[in-house]
Amino acid sequence: MKNIVLFLVIAISTIGCKEYEEIQFLGLQDVKVNGIKEGNLLISANAAFKNPNDFKGKLKSANIYVLFKGATLAEVTNVNKISVAPNSDFNVPLSMEISISKLQTGLLSNLASLIRKKSVELEFKGNIKVASFGFTQTIPVSYKEDIEF
């Protein structure tokens, strides 16, 4: 009898266990300038991710820095708890305010190229944390986008 119980426990635990796959960062989508408020450029975007697992999770935090030529222009934090469905793509909405004066300071050295291009390349770096069954995964975010004025 003990052998049968032991066999069943081992069989169920090996069949029921599926290896956890890391959530993947797919990129930023819908990056757009929404206007100007009190000397700040208002930008919104959706950070796109893929959950390849058969179980759901919950977004714990998002900390993303907006950089221009290595200098930090803004920090984006999202504390909204977003449910992550199993085997799905999901978006984390981001909104940020970038000081135009900080942006202009970095642009003065590249004024000629800015006049020709009318855009600037911003870099988004940081991470998000997703938890499932007590396990927290930190997912790195690294993305570059040309923002048009």
Protein backbone atom coordinates (compact mmCIF):
# COMPACT_ATOMS: atom_id res chain seq x y z
CA MET A 1 0.00 0.00 0.00
CA LYS A 2 2.84 2.42 0.86
CA ASN A 3 4.45 1.72 -2.51
CA ILE A 4 1.23 2.59 -4.35
CA VAL A 5 0.83 5.89 -2.47
CA LEU A 6 4.47 6.77 -3.07
CA PHE A 7 4.12 5.94 -6.77
CA LEU A 8 0.97 8.10 -7.07
CA VAL A 9 2.62 11.05 -5.32
CA ILE A 10 5.65 10.87 -7.60
CA ALA A 11 3.53 10.40 -10.75
CA ILE A 12 1.21 13.31 -9.96
CA SER A 13 4.05 15.65 -9.00
CA THR A 14 6.02 14.97 -12.20
CA ILE A 15 2.98 15.17 -14.48
CA GLY A 16 1.55 18.27 -12.78
CA CYS A 17 4.77 20.26 -12.83
CA LYS A 18 5.49 22.39 -15.82
CA GLU A 19 8.67 24.40 -16.10
CA TYR A 20 8.23 28.14 -15.64
CA GLU A 21 9.12 30.13 -18.75
CA GLU A 22 10.29 33.71 -18.47
CA ILE A 23 7.91 36.46 -19.49
CA GLN A 24 9.27 38.20 -22.58
CA PHE A 25 9.52 41.94 -23.28
CA LEU A 26 8.26 42.53 -26.84
CA GLY A 27 8.85 46.28 -27.09
CA LEU A 28 7.08 49.58 -26.69
CA GLN A 29 3.98 50.28 -28.72
CA ASP A 30 1.95 53.39 -29.40
CA VAL A 31 4.66 55.80 -28.21
CA LYS A 32 3.21 59.28 -28.69
CA VAL A 33 3.56 62.85 -27.58
CA ASN A 34 0.25 63.92 -26.04
CA GLY A 35 1.06 67.58 -25.54
CA ILE A 36 2.90 70.01 -23.32
CA LYS A 37 1.97 70.88 -19.73
CA GLU A 38 3.85 73.32 -17.52
CA GLY A 39 7.08 73.00 -19.49
CA ASN A 40 6.93 69.22 -19.69
CA LEU A 41 6.48 66.99 -22.71
CA LEU A 42 3.66 64.51 -22.02
CA ILE A 43 4.42 61.08 -23.51
CA SER A 44 2.45 57.85 -23.32
CA ALA A 45 3.31 54.31 -24.41
CA ASN A 46 2.38 50.69 -23.88
CA ALA A 47 5.09 48.25 -22.84
CA ALA A 48 4.19 44.92 -24.52
CA PHE A 49 4.98 41.55 -22.93
CA LYS A 50 4.23 37.88 -23.58
CA ASN A 51 3.34 35.39 -20.83
CA PRO A 52 4.07 31.89 -22.26
CA ASN A 53 3.01 30.12 -19.06
CA ASP A 54 -0.15 28.16 -18.30
CA PHE A 55 -0.77 30.14 -15.14
CA LYS A 56 -1.67 33.73 -14.41
CA GLY A 57 0.34 36.34 -12.60
CA LYS A 58 0.11 39.90 -11.37
CA LEU A 59 2.21 42.94 -12.24
CA LYS A 60 3.90 44.14 -9.06
CA SER A 61 5.80 47.17 -10.32
CA ALA A 62 7.29 48.89 -13.34
CA ASN A 63 10.37 51.12 -13.10
CA ILE A 64 11.54 52.50 -16.42
CA TYR A 65 13.92 55.38 -17.05
CA VAL A 66 13.72 57.61 -20.12
CA LEU A 67 17.22 58.48 -21.31
CA PHE A 68 18.61 60.85 -23.91
CA LYS A 69 22.26 60.26 -24.78
CA GLY A 70 22.74 58.53 -21.44
CA ALA A 71 21.19 61.32 -19.33
CA THR A 72 18.02 60.52 -17.39
CA LEU A 73 15.08 62.69 -18.44
CA ALA A 74 12.30 60.96 -16.51
CA GLU A 75 11.48 57.96 -14.37
CA VAL A 76 8.28 56.07 -15.09
CA THR A 77 6.74 54.05 -12.30
CA ASN A 78 3.55 52.07 -12.54
CA VAL A 79 2.00 50.83 -9.32
CA ASN A 80 -1.27 49.67 -10.88
CA LYS A 81 -1.73 45.98 -10.19
CA ILE A 82 -2.41 44.44 -13.60
CA SER A 83 -3.53 40.83 -13.92
CA VAL A 84 -1.50 38.79 -16.38
CA ALA A 85 -3.56 36.09 -18.10
CA PRO A 86 -2.00 32.70 -18.90
CA ASN A 87 -0.59 32.18 -22.42
CA SER A 88 -1.24 35.75 -23.46
CA ASP A 89 0.25 39.03 -24.56
CA PHE A 90 -0.31 41.94 -22.20
CA ASN A 91 0.41 45.67 -22.11
CA VAL A 92 1.55 47.88 -19.28
CA PRO A 93 0.37 51.46 -19.89
CA LEU A 94 3.05 54.05 -19.21
CA SER A 95 2.79 57.81 -19.00
CA MET A 96 5.65 60.18 -18.43
CA GLU A 97 6.47 63.86 -18.21
CA ILE A 98 9.82 64.94 -19.62
CA SER A 99 11.21 68.35 -18.78
CA ILE A 100 11.64 70.24 -22.04
CA SER A 101 14.51 72.23 -20.53
CA LYS A 102 16.43 69.00 -19.75
CA LEU A 103 15.75 67.76 -23.26
CA GLN A 104 16.89 71.05 -24.81
CA THR A 105 20.14 71.04 -22.82
CA GLY A 106 21.10 67.75 -24.42
CA LEU A 107 19.85 68.84 -27.82
CA LEU A 108 21.88 72.04 -28.09
CA SER A 109 24.97 70.06 -29.01
CA ASN A 110 22.99 68.40 -31.83
CA LEU A 111 20.90 71.38 -32.91
CA ALA A 112 21.82 71.09 -36.59
CA SER A 113 20.77 67.46 -36.80
CA LEU A 114 17.58 68.19 -34.86
CA ILE A 115 16.60 70.94 -37.30
CA ARG A 116 17.00 68.49 -40.18
CA LYS A 117 15.31 65.52 -38.50
CA LYS A 118 12.65 67.09 -36.25
CA SER A 119 12.92 64.04 -34.01
CA VAL A 120 14.98 62.76 -31.12
CA GLU A 121 15.95 59.22 -30.14
CA LEU A 122 14.92 58.34 -26.61
CA GLU A 123 15.99 55.21 -24.78
CA PHE A 124 13.74 53.41 -22.31
CA LYS A 125 15.56 51.22 -19.74
CA GLY A 126 14.44 49.55 -16.56
CA ASN A 127 12.40 46.57 -15.45
CA ILE A 128 9.00 45.29 -14.47
CA LYS A 129 8.21 42.73 -11.78
CA VAL A 130 5.55 40.07 -12.18
CA ALA A 131 4.58 37.64 -9.41
CA SER A 132 2.94 34.24 -9.68
CA PHE A 133 2.50 31.68 -6.89
CA GLY A 134 4.93 33.55 -4.65
CA PHE A 135 7.64 33.64 -7.34
CA THR A 136 8.64 37.12 -8.58
CA GLN A 137 10.32 37.58 -11.95
CA THR A 138 12.18 40.75 -12.87
CA ILE A 139 11.93 41.41 -16.62
CA PRO A 140 14.47 43.80 -18.14
CA VAL A 141 13.23 46.52 -20.48
CA SER A 142 15.51 48.07 -23.08
CA TYR A 143 14.10 49.94 -26.06
CA LYS A 144 14.92 52.89 -28.34
CA GLU A 145 12.37 55.04 -30.16
CA ASP A 146 12.56 58.11 -32.40
CA ILE A 147 10.09 60.67 -31.02
CA GLU A 148 8.88 63.24 -33.53
CA PHE A 149 8.04 66.78 -32.51
